[in-house]
PDB file of N, CA and C in Angstrom:
ATOM      1  N   MET A   1    -166.082-136.752-112.804  1.00  0.00           N
ATOM      2  CA  MET A   1    -165.475-136.249-113.960  1.00  0.00           C
ATOM      3  C   MET A   1    -166.368-136.830-115.170  1.00  0.00           C
ATOM      4  N   ILE A   2    -166.506-135.896-116.269  1.00  0.00           N
ATOM      5  CA  ILE A   2    -167.149-136.307-117.471  1.00  0.00           C
ATOM      6  C   ILE A   2    -166.119-136.457-118.515  1.00  0.00           C
ATOM      7  N   THR A   3    -166.253-137.592-119.400  1.00  0.00           N
ATOM      8  CA  THR A   3    -165.419-137.725-120.519  1.00  0.00           C
ATOM      9  C   THR A   3    -166.117-137.717-121.794  1.00  0.00           C
ATOM     10  N   LYS A   4    -165.515-137.473-122.716  1.00  0.00           N
ATOM     11  CA  LYS A   4    -166.043-137.420-124.093  1.00  0.00           C
ATOM     12  C   LYS A   4    -164.929-137.777-125.101  1.00  0.00           C
ATOM     13  N   ALA A   5    -165.096-138.602-126.126  1.00  0.00           N
ATOM     14  CA  ALA A   5    -164.280-138.980-127.142  1.00  0.00           C
ATOM     15  C   ALA A   5    -164.669-137.996-128.290  1.00  0.00           C
ATOM     16  N   LEU A   6    -163.701-137.157-128.916  1.00  0.00           N
ATOM     17  CA  LEU A   6    -163.980-136.296-129.906  1.00  0.00           C
ATOM     18  C   LEU A   6    -163.003-136.677-131.103  1.00  0.00           C
ATOM     19  N   GLU A   7    -163.391-136.149-132.201  1.00  0.00           N
ATOM     20  CA  GLU A   7    -162.620-136.270-133.436  1.00  0.00           C
ATOM     21  C   GLU A   7    -162.119-134.827-133.868  1.00  0.00           C
ATOM     22  N   ILE A   8    -160.808-134.619-133.699  1.00  0.00           N
ATOM     23  CA  ILE A   8    -160.217-133.139-134.076  1.00  0.00           C
ATOM     24  C   ILE A   8    -159.772-133.402-135.553  1.00  0.00           C
ATOM     25  N   ARG A   9    -160.275-132.318-136.374  1.00  0.00           N
ATOM     26  CA  ARG A   9    -159.912-132.329-137.772  1.00  0.00           C
ATOM     27  C   ARG A   9    -159.316-131.017-138.004  1.00  0.00           C
ATOM     28  N   ASP A  10    -158.443-130.966-139.077  1.00  0.00           N
ATOM     29  CA  ASP A  10    -157.812-129.813-139.544  1.00  0.00           C
ATOM     30  C   ASP A  10    -157.503-130.108-140.967  1.00  0.00           C
ATOM     31  N   GLU A  11    -156.790-129.254-141.683  1.00  0.00           N
ATOM     32  CA  GLU A  11    -156.396-129.705-143.015  1.00  0.00           C
ATOM     33  C   GLU A  11    -155.601-130.873-143.162  1.00  0.00           C
ATOM     34  N   GLY A  12    -156.108-131.916-143.586  1.00  0.00           N
ATOM     35  CA  GLY A  12    -155.400-133.287-143.813  1.00  0.00           C
ATOM     36  C   GLY A  12    -155.187-133.867-142.469  1.00  0.00           C
ATOM     37  N   THR A  13    -155.992-133.755-141.427  1.00  0.00           N
ATOM     38  CA  THR A  13    -155.639-134.201-140.121  1.00  0.00           C
ATOM     39  C   THR A  13    -156.912-134.797-139.506  1.00  0.00           C
ATOM     40  N   PHE A  14    -156.675-135.873-138.961  1.00  0.00           N
ATOM     41  CA  PHE A  14    -157.698-136.737-138.101  1.00  0.00           C
ATOM     42  C   PHE A  14    -157.120-137.203-136.751  1.00  0.00           C
ATOM     43  N   ILE A  15    -157.546-136.539-135.667  1.00  0.00           N
ATOM     44  CA  ILE A  15    -157.021-136.906-134.434  1.00  0.00           C
ATOM     45  C   ILE A  15    -157.958-137.311-133.464  1.00  0.00           C
ATOM     46  N   PRO A  16    -158.209-138.565-133.092  1.00  0.00           N
ATOM     47  CA  PRO A  16    -159.045-139.042-132.058  1.00  0.00           C
ATOM     48  C   PRO A  16    -158.510-138.498-130.676  1.00  0.00           C
ATOM     49  N   MET A  17    -159.433-137.851-129.975  1.00  0.00           N
ATOM     50  CA  MET A  17    -159.002-137.319-128.657  1.00  0.00           C
ATOM     51  C   MET A  17    -159.998-137.712-127.527  1.00  0.00           C
ATOM     52  N   LEU A  18    -159.439-137.660-126.304  1.00  0.00           N
ATOM     53  CA  LEU A  18    -160.226-137.891-125.067  1.00  0.00           C
ATOM     54  C   LEU A  18    -160.171-136.567-124.279  1.00  0.00           C
ATOM     55  N   ALA A  19    -161.384-136.093-123.931  1.00  0.00           N
ATOM     56  CA  ALA A  19    -161.527-134.841-123.275  1.00  0.00           C
ATOM     57  C   ALA A  19    -162.167-135.190-122.015  1.00  0.00           C
ATOM     58  N   VAL A  20    -161.712-134.608-120.969  1.00  0.00           N
ATOM     59  CA  VAL A  20    -162.183-134.791-119.550  1.00  0.00           C
ATOM     60  C   VAL A  20    -162.443-133.564-118.881  1.00  0.00           C
ATOM     61  N   ASP A  21    -163.664-133.305-118.427  1.00  0.00           N
ATOM     62  CA  ASP A  21    -163.852-132.198-117.464  1.00  0.00           C
ATOM     63  C   ASP A  21    -163.462-132.519-116.201  1.00  0.00           C
ATOM     64  N   MET A  22    -162.327-131.914-115.759  1.00  0.00           N
ATOM     65  CA  MET A  22    -161.808-132.239-114.507  1.00  0.00           C
ATOM     66  C   MET A  22    -162.437-131.641-113.314  1.00  0.00           C
ATOM     67  N   ASN A  23    -163.696-131.775-113.168  1.00  0.00           N
ATOM     68  CA  ASN A  23    -164.576-131.355-112.035  1.00  0.00           C
ATOM     69  C   ASN A  23    -165.268-132.635-111.604  1.00  0.00           C
ATOM     70  N   PRO A  24    -165.193-132.873-110.236  1.00  0.00           N
ATOM     71  CA  PRO A  24    -166.019-133.926-109.702  1.00  0.00           C
ATOM     72  C   PRO A  24    -167.488-133.639-109.812  1.00  0.00           C
ATOM     73  N   SER A  25    -168.369-134.629-109.716  1.00  0.00           N
ATOM     74  CA  SER A  25    -169.863-134.293-109.839  1.00  0.00           C
ATOM     75  C   SER A  25    -170.192-133.580-108.478  1.00  0.00           C
ATOM     76  N   LEU A  26    -171.184-132.671-108.529  1.00  0.00           N
ATOM     77  CA  LEU A  26    -171.498-131.892-107.421  1.00  0.00           C
ATOM     78  C   LEU A  26    -171.727-132.524-106.075  1.00  0.00           C
ATOM     79  N   ASP A  27    -172.246-133.930-106.180  1.00  0.00           N
ATOM     80  CA  ASP A  27    -172.458-134.533-104.942  1.00  0.00           C
ATOM     81  C   ASP A  27    -171.287-135.291-104.406  1.00  0.00           C
ATOM     82  N   ASP A  28    -170.018-134.994-105.008  1.00  0.00           N
ATOM     83  CA  ASP A  28    -168.819-135.610-104.589  1.00  0.00           C
ATOM     84  C   ASP A  28    -167.882-134.630-103.855  1.00  0.00           C
ATOM     85  N   THR A  29    -168.477-133.499-103.171  1.00  0.00           N
ATOM     86  CA  THR A  29    -167.559-132.554-102.556  1.00  0.00           C
ATOM     87  C   THR A  29    -166.625-133.110-101.577  1.00  0.00           C
ATOM     88  N   PHE A  30    -166.946-134.176-100.955  1.00  0.00           N
ATOM     89  CA  PHE A  30    -166.063-134.698 -99.886  1.00  0.00           C
ATOM     90  C   PHE A  30    -165.480-136.029-100.281  1.00  0.00           C
ATOM     91  N   SER A  31    -165.538-136.330-101.643  1.00  0.00           N
ATOM     92  CA  SER A  31    -164.951-137.470-102.104  1.00  0.00           C
ATOM     93  C   SER A  31    -163.425-137.535-102.258  1.00  0.00           C
ATOM     94  N   GLY A  32    -162.826-138.729-102.522  1.00  0.00           N
ATOM     95  CA  GLY A  32    -161.509-138.760-102.787  1.00  0.00           C
ATOM     96  C   GLY A  32    -161.160-138.178-104.093  1.00  0.00           C
ATOM     97  N   GLN A  33    -161.985-138.165-105.059  1.00  0.00           N
ATOM     98  CA  GLN A  33    -161.813-137.485-106.292  1.00  0.00           C
ATOM     99  C   GLN A  33    -161.689-136.125-106.115  1.00  0.00           C
ATOM    100  N   HIS A  34    -162.623-135.482-105.465  1.00  0.00           N
ATOM    101  CA  HIS A  34    -162.619-133.978-105.192  1.00  0.00           C
ATOM    102  C   HIS A  34    -161.329-133.584-104.486  1.00  0.00           C
ATOM    103  N   TYR A  35    -160.917-134.349-103.405  1.00  0.00           N
ATOM    104  CA  TYR A  35    -159.671-133.964-102.633  1.00  0.00           C
ATOM    105  C   TYR A  35    -158.446-134.157-103.560  1.00  0.00           C
ATOM    106  N   LEU A  36    -158.408-135.116-104.328  1.00  0.00           N
ATOM    107  CA  LEU A  36    -157.157-135.300-105.158  1.00  0.00           C
ATOM    108  C   LEU A  36    -157.091-134.174-106.222  1.00  0.00           C
ATOM    109  N   LEU A  37    -158.189-133.862-106.835  1.00  0.00           N
ATOM    110  CA  LEU A  37    -158.158-132.839-107.891  1.00  0.00           C
ATOM    111  C   LEU A  37    -157.849-131.409-107.293  1.00  0.00           C
ATOM    112  N   ARG A  38    -158.248-131.106-106.176  1.00  0.00           N
ATOM    113  CA  ARG A  38    -158.075-129.848-105.376  1.00  0.00           C
ATOM    114  C   ARG A  38    -156.520-129.874-105.150  1.00  0.00           C
ATOM    115  N   ARG A  39    -156.021-130.948-104.569  1.00  0.00           N
ATOM    116  CA  ARG A  39    -154.512-131.071-104.217  1.00  0.00           C
ATOM    117  C   ARG A  39    -153.608-130.893-105.528  1.00  0.00           C
ATOM    118  N   CYS A  40    -154.199-131.261-106.582  1.00  0.00           N
ATOM    119  CA  CYS A  40    -153.338-131.047-107.832  1.00  0.00           C
ATOM    120  C   CYS A  40    -153.598-129.619-108.417  1.00  0.00           C
ATOM    121  N   GLY A  41    -154.407-128.828-107.744  1.00  0.00           N
ATOM    122  CA  GLY A  41    -154.634-127.458-108.168  1.00  0.00           C
ATOM    123  C   GLY A  41    -155.847-127.111-109.137  1.00  0.00           C
ATOM    124  N   TYR A  42    -156.632-128.144-109.304  1.00  0.00           N
ATOM    125  CA  TYR A  42    -157.916-127.896-110.127  1.00  0.00           C
ATOM    126  C   TYR A  42    -158.971-127.122-109.301  1.00  0.00           C
ATOM    127  N   PRO A  43    -159.602-126.158-109.822  1.00  0.00           N
ATOM    128  CA  PRO A  43    -160.407-125.263-109.076  1.00  0.00           C
ATOM    129  C   PRO A  43    -161.779-126.119-108.489  1.00  0.00           C
ATOM    130  N   CYS A  44    -162.230-127.029-109.212  1.00  0.00           N
ATOM    131  CA  CYS A  44    -163.410-127.807-108.931  1.00  0.00           C
ATOM    132  C   CYS A  44    -164.536-126.856-108.519  1.00  0.00           C
ATOM    133  N   ASP A  45    -164.684-125.911-109.381  1.00  0.00           N
ATOM    134  CA  ASP A  45    -165.718-124.752-109.135  1.00  0.00           C
ATOM    135  C   ASP A  45    -166.954-124.896-110.213  1.00  0.00           C
ATOM    136  N   GLY A  46    -166.972-125.962-110.894  1.00  0.00           N
ATOM    137  CA  GLY A  46    -168.035-126.147-111.845  1.00  0.00           C
ATOM    138  C   GLY A  46    -167.875-125.702-113.241  1.00  0.00           C
ATOM    139  N   ARG A  47    -166.943-124.694-113.334  1.00  0.00           N
ATOM    140  CA  ARG A  47    -166.703-124.185-114.723  1.00  0.00           C
ATOM    141  C   ARG A  47    -165.861-125.252-115.507  1.00  0.00           C
ATOM    142  N   PRO A  48    -166.037-125.468-116.877  1.00  0.00           N
ATOM    143  CA  PRO A  48    -165.413-126.410-117.554  1.00  0.00           C
ATOM    144  C   PRO A  48    -163.780-126.194-117.337  1.00  0.00           C
ATOM    145  N   ASN A  49    -163.085-127.213-117.027  1.00  0.00           N
ATOM    146  CA  ASN A  49    -161.711-127.301-116.788  1.00  0.00           C
ATOM    147  C   ASN A  49    -161.202-128.512-117.615  1.00  0.00           C
ATOM    148  N   ILE A  50    -161.026-128.518-118.995  1.00  0.00           N
ATOM    149  CA  ILE A  50    -161.012-129.566-119.832  1.00  0.00           C
ATOM    150  C   ILE A  50    -159.496-130.006-120.036  1.00  0.00           C
ATOM    151  N   LEU A  51    -159.279-131.235-119.761  1.00  0.00           N
ATOM    152  CA  LEU A  51    -157.986-131.823-120.157  1.00  0.00           C
ATOM    153  C   LEU A  51    -158.245-132.694-121.415  1.00  0.00           C
ATOM    154  N   ILE A  52    -157.322-132.499-122.263  1.00  0.00           N
ATOM    155  CA  ILE A  52    -157.381-133.441-123.428  1.00  0.00           C
ATOM    156  C   ILE A  52    -156.071-134.247-123.803  1.00  0.00           C
ATOM    157  N   THR A  53    -156.240-135.290-124.349  1.00  0.00           N
ATOM    158  CA  THR A  53    -155.127-136.226-124.803  1.00  0.00           C
ATOM    159  C   THR A  53    -155.522-137.054-125.971  1.00  0.00           C
ATOM    160  N   ARG A  54    -154.578-137.402-126.770  1.00  0.00           N
ATOM    161  CA  ARG A  54    -154.807-138.371-127.866  1.00  0.00           C
ATOM    162  C   ARG A  54    -155.416-139.628-127.313  1.00  0.00           C
ATOM    163  N   LEU A  55    -156.150-140.271-128.052  1.00  0.00           N
ATOM    164  CA  LEU A  55    -156.781-141.581-127.718  1.00  0.00           C
ATOM    165  C   LEU A  55    -155.738-142.726-127.937  1.00  0.00           C
ATOM    166  N   SER A  56    -154.798-142.482-129.016  1.00  0.00           N
ATOM    167  CA  SER A  56    -153.660-143.249-129.333  1.00  0.00           C
ATOM    168  C   SER A  56    -152.759-143.379-128.312  1.00  0.00           C
ATOM    169  N   ALA A  57    -152.085-144.499-128.007  1.00  0.00           N
ATOM    170  CA  ALA A  57    -151.083-144.689-126.973  1.00  0.00           C
ATOM    171  C   ALA A  57    -149.613-144.294-127.527  1.00  0.00           C
ATOM    172  N   ASP A  58    -149.443-143.024-127.941  1.00  0.00           N
ATOM    173  CA  ASP A  58    -148.259-142.723-128.530  1.00  0.00           C
ATOM    174  C   ASP A  58    -147.264-141.813-127.655  1.00  0.00           C
ATOM    175  N   GLY A  59    -147.714-141.718-126.420  1.00  0.00           N
ATOM    176  CA  GLY A  59    -146.869-140.925-125.500  1.00  0.00           C
ATOM    177  C   GLY A  59    -147.208-139.463-125.492  1.00  0.00           C
ATOM    178  N   THR A  60    -148.197-138.996-126.198  1.00  0.00           N
ATOM    179  CA  THR A  60    -148.567-137.559-126.302  1.00  0.00           C
ATOM    180  C   THR A  60    -149.063-137.259-124.864  1.00  0.00           C
ATOM    181  N   PRO A  61    -148.622-136.044-124.410  1.00  0.00           N
ATOM    182  CA  PRO A  61    -149.056-135.616-123.029  1.00  0.00           C
ATOM    183  C   PRO A  61    -150.594-135.320-123.098  1.00  0.00           C
ATOM    184  N   ALA A  62    -151.095-135.150-121.750  1.00  0.00           N
ATOM    185  CA  ALA A  62    -152.433-134.674-121.639  1.00  0.00           C
ATOM    186  C   ALA A  62    -152.217-133.097-121.091  1.00  0.00           C
ATOM    187  N   TRP A  63    -153.137-132.241-121.450  1.00  0.00           N
ATOM    188  CA  TRP A  63    -152.965-130.862-121.142  1.00  0.00           C
ATOM    189  C   TRP A  63    -154.358-130.350-120.771  1.00  0.00           C
ATOM    190  N   ASN A  64    -154.485-129.463-119.759  1.00  0.00           N
ATOM    191  CA  ASN A  64    -155.625-128.718-119.560  1.00  0.00           C
ATOM    192  C   ASN A  64    -155.500-127.174-119.918  1.00  0.00           C
ATOM    193  N   ASP A  65    -154.325-127.012-120.414  1.00  0.00           N
ATOM    194  CA  ASP A  65    -153.929-125.654-120.950  1.00  0.00           C
ATOM    195  C   ASP A  65    -153.956-125.672-122.459  1.00  0.00           C
ATOM    196  N   PRO A  66    -154.932-124.912-123.020  1.00  0.00           N
ATOM    197  CA  PRO A  66    -154.938-125.001-124.511  1.00  0.00           C
ATOM    198  C   PRO A  66    -153.622-124.563-125.221  1.00  0.00           C
ATOM    199  N   TYR A  67    -152.845-123.662-124.581  1.00  0.00           N
ATOM    200  CA  TYR A  67    -151.647-123.211-125.103  1.00  0.00           C
ATOM    201  C   TYR A  67    -150.430-123.954-124.760  1.00  0.00           C
ATOM    202  N   GLY A  68    -150.566-125.003-124.012  1.00  0.00           N
ATOM    203  CA  GLY A  68    -149.487-125.932-123.703  1.00  0.00           C
ATOM    204  C   GLY A  68    -149.022-126.723-124.896  1.00  0.00           C
ATOM    205  N   TRP A  69    -149.833-126.903-125.869  1.00  0.00           N
ATOM    206  CA  TRP A  69    -149.636-127.725-126.975  1.00  0.00           C
ATOM    207  C   TRP A  69    -148.762-127.047-128.091  1.00  0.00           C
ATOM    208  N   GLY A  70    -148.727-125.892-128.329  1.00  0.00           N
ATOM    209  CA  GLY A  70    -147.990-125.167-129.322  1.00  0.00           C
ATOM    210  C   GLY A  70    -148.677-125.559-130.673  1.00  0.00           C
ATOM    211  N   GLY A  71    -148.182-124.863-131.761  1.00  0.00           N
ATOM    212  CA  GLY A  71    -148.763-125.128-133.019  1.00  0.00           C
ATOM    213  C   GLY A  71    -150.124-124.504-133.261  1.00  0.00           C
ATOM    214  N   ARG A  72    -150.905-124.993-134.032  1.00  0.00           N
ATOM    215  CA  ARG A  72    -152.186-124.416-134.380  1.00  0.00           C
ATOM    216  C   ARG A  72    -153.538-125.282-134.107  1.00  0.00           C
ATOM    217  N   THR A  73    -153.295-126.598-134.510  1.00  0.00           N
ATOM    218  CA  THR A  73    -154.577-127.426-134.323  1.00  0.00           C
ATOM    219  C   THR A  73    -154.994-127.587-132.941  1.00  0.00           C
ATOM    220  N   PHE A  74    -154.025-128.027-132.016  1.00  0.00           N
ATOM    221  CA  PHE A  74    -154.529-128.321-130.622  1.00  0.00           C
ATOM    222  C   PHE A  74    -155.003-127.115-129.828  1.00  0.00           C
ATOM    223  N   PRO A  75    -154.281-125.968-129.958  1.00  0.00           N
ATOM    224  CA  PRO A  75    -154.701-124.808-129.086  1.00  0.00           C
ATOM    225  C   PRO A  75    -156.107-124.400-129.640  1.00  0.00           C
ATOM    226  N   VAL A  76    -156.323-124.249-130.984  1.00  0.00           N
ATOM    227  CA  VAL A  76    -157.634-123.781-131.418  1.00  0.00           C
ATOM    228  C   VAL A  76    -158.749-124.739-130.997  1.00  0.00           C
ATOM    229  N   ALA A  77    -158.503-126.038-131.247  1.00  0.00           N
ATOM    230  CA  ALA A  77    -159.539-127.186-130.847  1.00  0.00           C
ATOM    231  C   ALA A  77    -159.655-127.126-129.387  1.00  0.00           C
ATOM    232  N   HIS A  78    -158.818-127.006-128.670  1.00  0.00           N
ATOM    233  CA  HIS A  78    -158.803-127.198-127.174  1.00  0.00           C
ATOM    234  C   HIS A  78    -159.653-125.968-126.581  1.00  0.00           C
ATOM    235  N   GLU A  79    -159.356-124.838-126.983  1.00  0.00           N
ATOM    236  CA  GLU A  79    -160.096-123.599-126.612  1.00  0.00           C
ATOM    237  C   GLU A  79    -161.510-123.702-127.040  1.00  0.00           C
ATOM    238  N   TRP A  80    -161.835-124.165-128.210  1.00  0.00           N
ATOM    239  CA  TRP A  80    -163.104-124.368-128.698  1.00  0.00           C
ATOM    240  C   TRP A  80    -163.937-125.378-127.937  1.00  0.00           C
ATOM    241  N   ILE A  81    -163.240-126.480-127.501  1.00  0.00           N
ATOM    242  CA  ILE A  81    -163.904-127.510-126.689  1.00  0.00           C
ATOM    243  C   ILE A  81    -164.274-127.023-125.400  1.00  0.00           C
ATOM    244  N   ILE A  82    -163.431-126.127-124.643  1.00  0.00           N
ATOM    245  CA  ILE A  82    -163.698-125.619-123.358  1.00  0.00           C
ATOM    246  C   ILE A  82    -164.914-124.672-123.557  1.00  0.00           C
ATOM    247  N   GLU A  83    -164.946-123.840-124.630  1.00  0.00           N
ATOM    248  CA  GLU A  83    -166.085-122.965-124.731  1.00  0.00           C
ATOM    249  C   GLU A  83    -167.412-123.624-125.061  1.00  0.00           C
ATOM    250  N   HIS A  84    -167.347-124.707-125.708  1.00  0.00           N
ATOM    251  CA  HIS A  84    -168.574-125.431-126.194  1.00  0.00           C
ATOM    252  C   HIS A  84    -168.773-126.778-125.507  1.00  0.00           C
ATOM    253  N   TRP A  85    -168.180-126.942-124.334  1.00  0.00           N
ATOM    254  CA  TRP A  85    -168.242-128.260-123.646  1.00  0.00           C
ATOM    255  C   TRP A  85    -169.608-128.873-123.450  1.00  0.00           C
ATOM    256  N   ASN A  86    -170.494-128.058-123.114  1.00  0.00           N
ATOM    257  CA  ASN A  86    -171.804-128.533-122.796  1.00  0.00           C
ATOM    258  C   ASN A  86    -172.665-128.818-124.004  1.00  0.00           C
ATOM    259  N   GLU A  87    -172.208-128.345-125.124  1.00  0.00           N
ATOM    260  CA  GLU A  87    -172.899-128.746-126.459  1.00  0.00           C
ATOM    261  C   GLU A  87    -172.387-130.004-127.100  1.00  0.00           C
ATOM    262  N   LEU A  88    -171.076-130.303-126.713  1.00  0.00           N
ATOM    263  CA  LEU A  88    -170.443-131.468-127.325  1.00  0.00           C
ATOM    264  C   LEU A  88    -170.920-132.819-126.923  1.00  0.00           C
ATOM    265  N   ARG A  89    -171.057-133.762-127.690  1.00  0.00           N
ATOM    266  CA  ARG A  89    -171.416-135.148-127.513  1.00  0.00           C
ATOM    267  C   ARG A  89    -170.312-136.108-127.906  1.00  0.00           C
ATOM    268  N   ASP A  90    -170.219-137.316-127.295  1.00  0.00           N
ATOM    269  CA  ASP A  90    -169.163-138.228-127.784  1.00  0.00           C
ATOM    270  C   ASP A  90    -169.199-138.481-129.255  1.00  0.00           C
ATOM    271  N   GLY A  91    -168.056-138.447-129.786  1.00  0.00           N
ATOM    272  CA  GLY A  91    -167.883-138.626-131.281  1.00  0.00           C
ATOM    273  C   GLY A  91    -167.968-137.331-132.103  1.00  0.00           C
ATOM    274  N   ASP A  92    -168.324-136.259-131.520  1.00  0.00           N
ATOM    275  CA  ASP A  92    -168.468-135.030-132.277  1.00  0.00           C
ATOM    276  C   ASP A  92    -167.115-134.655-133.020  1.00  0.00           C
ATOM    277  N   VAL A  93    -167.284-133.903-134.039  1.00  0.00           N
ATOM    278  CA  VAL A  93    -166.168-133.448-134.825  1.00  0.00           C
ATOM    279  C   VAL A  93    -165.758-132.019-134.368  1.00  0.00           C
ATOM    280  N   VAL A  94    -164.541-131.688-134.108  1.00  0.00           N
ATOM    281  CA  VAL A  94    -164.065-130.417-133.736  1.00  0.00           C
ATOM    282  C   VAL A  94    -163.218-129.971-135.010  1.00  0.00           C
ATOM    283  N   ASP A  95    -163.769-129.175-135.903  1.00  0.00           N
ATOM    284  CA  ASP A  95    -163.084-128.862-137.268  1.00  0.00           C
ATOM    285  C   ASP A  95    -162.406-127.423-137.003  1.00  0.00           C
ATOM    286  N   VAL A  96    -161.072-127.498-136.988  1.00  0.00           N
ATOM    287  CA  VAL A  96    -160.394-126.286-136.809  1.00  0.00           C
ATOM    288  C   VAL A  96    -160.440-125.295-137.972  1.00  0.00           C
ATOM    289  N   GLN A  97    -160.418-125.923-139.212  1.00  0.00           N
ATOM    290  CA  GLN A  97    -160.576-124.940-140.402  1.00  0.00           C
ATOM    291  C   GLN A  97    -161.982-124.296-140.298  1.00  0.00           C
ATOM    292  N   PHE A  98    -162.978-124.987-139.955  1.00  0.00           N
ATOM    293  CA  PHE A  98    -164.303-124.246-139.812  1.00  0.00           C
ATOM    294  C   PHE A  98    -164.268-123.144-138.722  1.00  0.00           C
ATOM    295  N   ILE A  99    -163.725-123.578-137.574  1.00  0.00           N
ATOM    296  CA  ILE A  99    -163.682-122.739-136.497  1.00  0.00           C
ATOM    297  C   ILE A  99    -162.963-121.391-136.866  1.00  0.00           C
ATOM    298  N   LEU A 100    -161.918-121.448-137.646  1.00  0.00           N
ATOM    299  CA  LEU A 100    -161.175-120.402-138.074  1.00  0.00           C
ATOM    300  C   LEU A 100    -161.745-119.588-139.252  1.00  0.00           C
ATOM    301  N   GLY A 101    -162.891-120.108-139.791  1.00  0.00           N
ATOM    302  CA  GLY A 101    -163.542-119.457-141.067  1.00  0.00           C
ATOM    303  C   GLY A 101    -162.827-119.741-142.328  1.00  0.00           C
ATOM    304  N   GLU A 102    -161.933-120.813-142.357  1.00  0.00           N
ATOM    305  CA  GLU A 102    -161.269-121.124-143.569  1.00  0.00           C
ATOM    306  C   GLU A 102    -162.254-121.998-144.526  1.00  0.00           C
ATOM    307  N   THR A 103    -163.234-122.682-143.907  1.00  0.00           N
ATOM    308  CA  THR A 103    -164.242-123.357-144.770  1.00  0.00           C
ATOM    309  C   THR A 103    -165.627-122.879-144.357  1.00  0.00           C
ATOM    310  N   THR A 104    -166.416-123.114-145.250  1.00  0.00           N
ATOM    311  CA  THR A 104    -167.865-122.764-144.975  1.00  0.00           C
ATOM    312  C   THR A 104    -168.799-123.705-144.342  1.00  0.00           C
ATOM    313  N   ALA A 105    -168.330-124.935-144.282  1.00  0.00           N
ATOM    314  CA  ALA A 105    -169.102-125.987-143.532  1.00  0.00           C
ATOM    315  C   ALA A 105    -168.159-126.876-142.897  1.00  0.00           C
ATOM    316  N   PRO A 106    -168.575-127.456-141.671  1.00  0.00           N
ATOM    317  CA  PRO A 106    -167.657-128.231-140.814  1.00  0.00           C
ATOM    318  C   PRO A 106    -167.646-129.636-141.659  1.00  0.00           C
ATOM    319  N   LYS A 107    -166.487-130.323-141.403  1.00  0.00           N
ATOM    320  CA  LYS A 107    -166.192-131.624-141.833  1.00  0.00           C
ATOM    321  C   LYS A 107    -167.178-132.557-141.177  1.00  0.00           C
ATOM    322  N   ILE A 108    -167.529-133.575-141.710  1.00  0.00           N
ATOM    323  CA  ILE A 108    -168.331-134.772-141.118  1.00  0.00           C
ATOM    324  C   ILE A 108    -167.398-135.803-140.651  1.00  0.00           C
ATOM    325  N   SER A 109    -167.873-136.576-139.738  1.00  0.00           N
ATOM    326  CA  SER A 109    -167.068-137.518-139.033  1.00  0.00           C
ATOM    327  C   SER A 109    -166.519-138.583-140.090  1.00  0.00           C
ATOM    328  N   GLU A 110    -165.364-139.035-139.872  1.00  0.00           N
ATOM    329  CA  GLU A 110    -164.811-140.189-140.669  1.00  0.00           C
ATOM    330  C   GLU A 110    -165.630-141.462-140.355  1.00  0.00           C
ATOM    331  N   ARG A 111    -166.194-141.532-139.351  1.00  0.00           N
ATOM    332  CA  ARG A 111    -166.908-142.732-138.932  1.00  0.00           C
ATOM    333  C   ARG A 111    -168.164-142.846-139.887  1.00  0.00           C
ATOM    334  N   ILE A 112    -168.513-141.765-140.446  1.00  0.00           N
ATOM    335  CA  ILE A 112    -169.599-141.690-141.431  1.00  0.00           C
ATOM    336  C   ILE A 112    -169.072-141.634-142.862  1.00  0.00           C
ATOM    337  N   SER A 113    -168.023-140.933-143.140  1.00  0.00           N
ATOM    338  CA  SER A 113    -167.492-140.666-144.459  1.00  0.00           C
ATOM    339  C   SER A 113    -166.590-141.948-144.928  1.00  0.00           C
ATOM    340  N   GLU A 114    -165.910-142.536-143.910  1.00  0.00           N
ATOM    341  CA  GLU A 114    -164.948-143.629-144.230  1.00  0.00           C
ATOM    342  C   GLU A 114    -165.014-144.656-143.131  1.00  0.00           C
ATOM    343  N   PRO A 115    -166.165-145.380-143.053  1.00  0.00           N
ATOM    344  CA  PRO A 115    -166.313-146.348-141.925  1.00  0.00           C
ATOM    345  C   PRO A 115    -165.354-147.379-142.046  1.00  0.00           C
ATOM    346  N   LEU A 116    -165.053-148.094-140.951  1.00  0.00           N
ATOM    347  CA  LEU A 116    -164.065-149.286-140.927  1.00  0.00           C
ATOM    348  C   LEU A 116    -164.622-150.419-141.756  1.00  0.00           C
TER     349      LEU A 116
END
């Protein structure tokens, strides 16, 4: 499985997320990981099957269904993460307002604009 930490942004929103591609590596066809993922219903077919959850320990669930979240921010961001998985890098910003065409430029990361 491949993991990426991402910054989801929307109007007045900063959400640190963990995204996991729920596919075992191709050389793990007979591994425990492959077996357990298949038993849980993951297709393990190489197409991105992205589970996301907040990085904060606030009890938020993890979903691999973009529409399991409800609302606006999470479904839009989650669908975009699935579609652009191979382009994304750790720490990238997923800007919902920009995705929806509400702004003309994507937000920059708060690690740059407001470092600790």
